[in-house]
C-alpha atoms as a PDB file:
ATOM      1  CA  MET A   1     145.728 257.545  76.088  1.00  0.00           C
ATOM      2  CA  LYS A   2     143.988 256.956  79.413  1.00  0.00           C
ATOM      3  CA  ILE A   3     140.175 257.035  79.298  1.00  0.00           C
ATOM      4  CA  GLY A   4     137.677 257.574  82.119  1.00  0.00           C
ATOM      5  CA  LEU A   5     134.241 256.199  81.237  1.00  0.00           C
ATOM      6  CA  LEU A   6     130.924 256.709  83.008  1.00  0.00           C
ATOM      7  CA  SER A   7     127.206 256.729  82.332  1.00  0.00           C
ATOM      8  CA  ASP A   8     123.867 257.441  83.943  1.00  0.00           C
ATOM      9  CA  THR A   9     124.887 260.160  86.382  1.00  0.00           C
ATOM     10  CA  HIS A  10     121.286 261.449  86.386  1.00  0.00           C
ATOM     11  CA  SER A  11     122.367 264.936  87.627  1.00  0.00           C
ATOM     12  CA  TYR A  12     124.655 263.621  90.383  1.00  0.00           C
ATOM     13  CA  LEU A  13     128.430 263.522  90.071  1.00  0.00           C
ATOM     14  CA  ASP A  14     130.107 261.644  92.899  1.00  0.00           C
ATOM     15  CA  PRO A  15     133.180 263.682  93.951  1.00  0.00           C
ATOM     16  CA  LYS A  16     135.262 260.481  93.746  1.00  0.00           C
ATOM     17  CA  VAL A  17     134.781 260.484  89.946  1.00  0.00           C
ATOM     18  CA  ILE A  18     137.009 263.552  89.598  1.00  0.00           C
ATOM     19  CA  GLU A  19     139.634 261.936  91.814  1.00  0.00           C
ATOM     20  CA  TYR A  20     139.663 258.697  89.802  1.00  0.00           C
ATOM     21  CA  PHE A  21     139.617 260.507  86.445  1.00  0.00           C
ATOM     22  CA  THR A  22     142.428 262.966  87.271  1.00  0.00           C
ATOM     23  CA  PRO A  23     145.079 260.794  85.563  1.00  0.00           C
ATOM     24  CA  CYS A  24     142.887 260.397  82.456  1.00  0.00           C
ATOM     25  CA  ASP A  25     143.466 262.152  79.133  1.00  0.00           C
ATOM     26  CA  GLU A  26     139.760 262.113  78.184  1.00  0.00           C
ATOM     27  CA  ILE A  27     136.433 261.445  79.840  1.00  0.00           C
ATOM     28  CA  TRP A  28     133.641 259.671  77.980  1.00  0.00           C
ATOM     29  CA  HIS A  29     130.025 259.885  79.205  1.00  0.00           C
ATOM     30  CA  ALA A  30     127.555 257.385  77.706  1.00  0.00           C
ATOM     31  CA  GLY A  31     124.396 259.413  78.336  1.00  0.00           C
ATOM     32  CA  ASP A  32     121.750 260.266  80.906  1.00  0.00           C
ATOM     33  CA  ILE A  33     123.949 263.097  82.091  1.00  0.00           C
ATOM     34  CA  GLY A  34     120.984 264.822  83.717  1.00  0.00           C
ATOM     35  CA  SER A  35     122.263 268.346  84.267  1.00  0.00           C
ATOM     36  CA  TYR A  36     124.599 270.928  82.837  1.00  0.00           C
ATOM     37  CA  ASP A  37     126.408 271.046  86.211  1.00  0.00           C
ATOM     38  CA  VAL A  38     127.700 267.509  85.615  1.00  0.00           C
ATOM     39  CA  ILE A  39     129.034 268.541  82.192  1.00  0.00           C
ATOM     40  CA  GLN A  40     130.785 271.591  83.637  1.00  0.00           C
ATOM     41  CA  SER A  41     132.393 269.591  86.436  1.00  0.00           C
ATOM     42  CA  LEU A  42     133.705 266.971  84.023  1.00  0.00           C
ATOM     43  CA  GLN A  43     134.920 269.455  81.388  1.00  0.00           C
ATOM     44  CA  VAL A  44     136.942 271.393  83.942  1.00  0.00           C
ATOM     45  CA  THR A  45     138.912 268.225  84.586  1.00  0.00           C
ATOM     46  CA  ARG A  46     139.544 266.806  81.103  1.00  0.00           C
ATOM     47  CA  PRO A  47     138.238 266.930  77.517  1.00  0.00           C
ATOM     48  CA  LEU A  48     134.767 265.370  77.426  1.00  0.00           C
ATOM     49  CA  ARG A  49     133.184 263.200  74.727  1.00  0.00           C
ATOM     50  CA  ALA A  50     129.537 262.449  75.465  1.00  0.00           C
ATOM     51  CA  VAL A  51     126.218 261.376  74.029  1.00  0.00           C
ATOM     52  CA  SER A  52     122.800 262.427  75.238  1.00  0.00           C
ATOM     53  CA  GLY A  53     120.480 259.952  76.887  1.00  0.00           C
ATOM     54  CA  ASN A  54     116.742 259.510  77.180  1.00  0.00           C
ATOM     55  CA  ILE A  55     116.413 261.657  80.335  1.00  0.00           C
ATOM     56  CA  ASP A  56     118.542 264.538  79.053  1.00  0.00           C
ATOM     57  CA  ASP A  57     116.846 267.875  78.374  1.00  0.00           C
ATOM     58  CA  ARG A  58     117.260 270.205  75.380  1.00  0.00           C
ATOM     59  CA  THR A  59     120.290 271.900  76.877  1.00  0.00           C
ATOM     60  CA  ILE A  60     122.183 268.616  76.879  1.00  0.00           C
ATOM     61  CA  THR A  61     120.734 267.240  73.627  1.00  0.00           C
ATOM     62  CA  SER A  62     121.766 270.446  71.866  1.00  0.00           C
ATOM     63  CA  LEU A  63     125.371 269.909  73.034  1.00  0.00           C
ATOM     64  CA  PHE A  64     125.744 266.154  72.566  1.00  0.00           C
ATOM     65  CA  PRO A  65     124.461 263.843  69.808  1.00  0.00           C
ATOM     66  CA  ASP A  66     122.578 260.563  70.264  1.00  0.00           C
ATOM     67  CA  ASN A  67     125.447 258.708  68.573  1.00  0.00           C
ATOM     68  CA  LEU A  68     129.126 259.518  68.413  1.00  0.00           C
ATOM     69  CA  ARG A  69     131.715 257.766  66.245  1.00  0.00           C
ATOM     70  CA  PHE A  70     135.386 258.640  66.522  1.00  0.00           C
ATOM     71  CA  THR A  71     138.876 257.162  66.362  1.00  0.00           C
ATOM     72  CA  VAL A  72     141.339 256.931  69.246  1.00  0.00           C
ATOM     73  CA  GLU A  73     144.843 255.490  68.831  1.00  0.00           C
ATOM     74  CA  GLY A  74     143.758 253.740  65.637  1.00  0.00           C
ATOM     75  CA  LEU A  75     140.641 252.138  67.140  1.00  0.00           C
ATOM     76  CA  THR A  76     137.133 253.080  66.055  1.00  0.00           C
ATOM     77  CA  VAL A  77     134.685 253.852  68.850  1.00  0.00           C
ATOM     78  CA  TRP A  78     130.914 254.104  68.703  1.00  0.00           C
ATOM     79  CA  MET A  79     129.144 255.514  71.728  1.00  0.00           C
ATOM     80  CA  THR A  80     125.366 255.666  72.151  1.00  0.00           C
ATOM     81  CA  HIS A  81     123.100 255.601  75.178  1.00  0.00           C
ATOM     82  CA  ILE A  82     120.531 252.866  74.477  1.00  0.00           C
ATOM     83  CA  GLY A  83     122.421 250.060  72.791  1.00  0.00           C
ATOM     84  CA  GLY A  84     121.297 246.857  74.431  1.00  0.00           C
ATOM     85  CA  ALA A  85     123.872 244.211  75.284  1.00  0.00           C
ATOM     86  CA  PRO A  86     125.354 241.184  73.562  1.00  0.00           C
ATOM     87  CA  PRO A  87     123.609 239.314  72.063  1.00  0.00           C
ATOM     88  CA  HIS A  88     120.462 241.433  72.531  1.00  0.00           C
ATOM     89  CA  TYR A  89     121.240 244.778  70.894  1.00  0.00           C
ATOM     90  CA  ASN A  90     118.402 247.116  70.036  1.00  0.00           C
ATOM     91  CA  PRO A  91     117.330 246.612  66.384  1.00  0.00           C
ATOM     92  CA  GLU A  92     118.796 249.865  65.030  1.00  0.00           C
ATOM     93  CA  VAL A  93     122.112 249.247  66.806  1.00  0.00           C
ATOM     94  CA  ARG A  94     122.241 245.659  65.512  1.00  0.00           C
ATOM     95  CA  LYS A  95     121.732 246.879  61.938  1.00  0.00           C
ATOM     96  CA  GLN A  96     124.585 249.381  62.259  1.00  0.00           C
ATOM     97  CA  LEU A  97     126.855 246.815  63.921  1.00  0.00           C
ATOM     98  CA  GLN A  98     126.261 244.435  61.021  1.00  0.00           C
ATOM     99  CA  ASN A  99     127.117 247.142  58.485  1.00  0.00           C
ATOM    100  CA  ASN A 100     129.989 248.850  60.266  1.00  0.00           C
ATOM    101  CA  PRO A 101     131.142 247.339  63.572  1.00  0.00           C
ATOM    102  CA  PRO A 102     133.492 249.514  65.648  1.00  0.00           C
ATOM    103  CA  ASP A 103     136.446 248.211  67.609  1.00  0.00           C
ATOM    104  CA  ILE A 104     134.846 249.499  70.822  1.00  0.00           C
ATOM    105  CA  PHE A 105     131.100 249.867  71.408  1.00  0.00           C
ATOM    106  CA  VAL A 106     130.105 251.934  74.458  1.00  0.00           C
ATOM    107  CA  CYS A 107     126.604 252.377  75.820  1.00  0.00           C
ATOM    108  CA  GLY A 108     124.771 253.013  79.062  1.00  0.00           C
ATOM    109  CA  HIS A 109     121.066 253.033  79.961  1.00  0.00           C
ATOM    110  CA  SER A 110     120.747 249.601  81.609  1.00  0.00           C
ATOM    111  CA  HIS A 111     122.700 250.571  84.768  1.00  0.00           C
ATOM    112  CA  ILE A 112     124.289 247.118  84.434  1.00  0.00           C
ATOM    113  CA  LEU A 113     128.079 246.986  84.296  1.00  0.00           C
ATOM    114  CA  LYS A 114     129.196 244.693  81.489  1.00  0.00           C
ATOM    115  CA  ILE A 115     132.484 244.438  79.603  1.00  0.00           C
ATOM    116  CA  MET A 116     132.977 241.681  77.063  1.00  0.00           C
ATOM    117  CA  ARG A 117     134.124 240.826  73.566  1.00  0.00           C
ATOM    118  CA  ASP A 118     131.450 240.088  70.974  1.00  0.00           C
ATOM    119  CA  PRO A 119     132.751 237.528  68.460  1.00  0.00           C
ATOM    120  CA  LYS A 120     129.702 238.119  66.217  1.00  0.00           C
ATOM    121  CA  PHE A 121     130.990 241.608  65.389  1.00  0.00           C
ATOM    122  CA  ASN A 122     134.729 241.203  64.705  1.00  0.00           C
ATOM    123  CA  ASN A 123     135.485 240.601  68.385  1.00  0.00           C
ATOM    124  CA  MET A 124     134.329 244.146  69.161  1.00  0.00           C
ATOM    125  CA  LEU A 125     134.802 245.220  72.780  1.00  0.00           C
ATOM    126  CA  TYR A 126     131.425 245.994  74.380  1.00  0.00           C
ATOM    127  CA  ILE A 127     131.553 248.319  77.405  1.00  0.00           C
ATOM    128  CA  ASN A 128     128.685 249.460  79.605  1.00  0.00           C
ATOM    129  CA  PRO A 129     130.183 251.154  82.667  1.00  0.00           C
ATOM    130  CA  GLY A 130     127.037 250.685  84.757  1.00  0.00           C
ATOM    131  CA  ALA A 131     125.627 253.733  86.518  1.00  0.00           C
ATOM    132  CA  ALA A 132     127.617 256.414  88.332  1.00  0.00           C
ATOM    133  CA  GLY A 133     124.647 258.335  89.748  1.00  0.00           C
ATOM    134  CA  ASN A 134     122.229 257.810  92.604  1.00  0.00           C
ATOM    135  CA  HIS A 135     119.040 257.384  90.552  1.00  0.00           C
ATOM    136  CA  GLY A 136     118.063 253.893  89.415  1.00  0.00           C
ATOM    137  CA  PHE A 137     117.907 250.302  90.567  1.00  0.00           C
ATOM    138  CA  HIS A 138     121.645 249.540  90.668  1.00  0.00           C
ATOM    139  CA  ASN A 139     123.151 248.759  94.062  1.00  0.00           C
ATOM    140  CA  PHE A 140     126.627 250.161  93.500  1.00  0.00           C
ATOM    141  CA  LYS A 141     127.845 253.169  91.514  1.00  0.00           C
ATOM    142  CA  THR A 142     130.509 252.152  88.996  1.00  0.00           C
ATOM    143  CA  ILE A 143     132.888 253.780  86.534  1.00  0.00           C
ATOM    144  CA  VAL A 144     135.570 252.349  84.244  1.00  0.00           C
ATOM    145  CA  ARG A 145     139.130 253.373  83.398  1.00  0.00           C
ATOM    146  CA  PHE A 146     141.323 251.932  80.658  1.00  0.00           C
ATOM    147  CA  GLU A 147     144.142 252.764  78.287  1.00  0.00           C
ATOM    148  CA  VAL A 148     144.189 252.804  74.495  1.00  0.00           C
ATOM    149  CA  THR A 149     147.604 252.741  72.855  1.00  0.00           C
ATOM    150  CA  ALA A 150     148.475 251.876  69.253  1.00  0.00           C
ATOM    151  CA  LYS A 151     145.292 249.864  68.583  1.00  0.00           C
ATOM    152  CA  ALA A 152     145.481 248.051  71.943  1.00  0.00           C
ATOM    153  CA  ILE A 153     143.221 248.296  74.986  1.00  0.00           C
ATOM    154  CA  THR A 154     144.987 247.692  78.281  1.00  0.00           C
ATOM    155  CA  ASN A 155     144.699 248.241  82.024  1.00  0.00           C
ATOM    156  CA  MET A 156     140.893 247.910  82.136  1.00  0.00           C
ATOM    157  CA  GLU A 157     139.679 248.800  85.642  1.00  0.00           C
ATOM    158  CA  VAL A 158     136.191 248.718  87.119  1.00  0.00           C
ATOM    159  CA  ILE A 159     135.904 251.145  90.019  1.00  0.00           C
ATOM    160  CA  GLU A 160     133.129 250.946  92.614  1.00  0.00           C
ATOM    161  CA  LEU A 161     132.225 254.331  94.061  1.00  0.00           C
ATOM    162  CA  GLY A 162     130.059 252.937  96.845  1.00  0.00           C
ATOM    163  CA  LYS A 163     126.392 252.192  97.332  1.00  0.00           C
ATOM    164  CA  ARG A 164     123.792 254.062  95.318  1.00  0.00           C
ATOM    165  CA  GLY A 165     122.493 256.947  97.359  1.00  0.00           C
ATOM    166  CA  ALA A 166     125.486 256.964  99.703  1.00  0.00           C
ATOM    167  CA  LEU A 167     127.145 260.351  99.782  1.00  0.00           C
END
């Protein structure tokens, strides 16, 4: 299963996202979607799994939870917006990771691209795709693509969409 992952669009969906996510089976959005238009554009392309973020309004928070746990190809995934980063997770996230670590932990919020294994939590794969929108302090818009097959994660790609604010 090929996954397209993004976060922090803040109401702006770069047209290149659709192009890069066309070969994907699912799209995952790690919060701060910003507008229903972004949701519609992504859902037209592929099935969408998403969580709401701290800037999302009631329309979005009524559609998407704060936390989402699911299984893909035998791997457990936990997606939330404000998760922190290894080794500095937010306290609530840390507590849940100690009790029930997923195979893949996805979050956004920081606008900082980071992909790494965390040996403290069963070698869980931590993924923050950075920010795909124009709002924020990041210099470059980023998204991530990868494959999940039979409990294995392969073909991890970081894709730069260009400078923030560049259309």
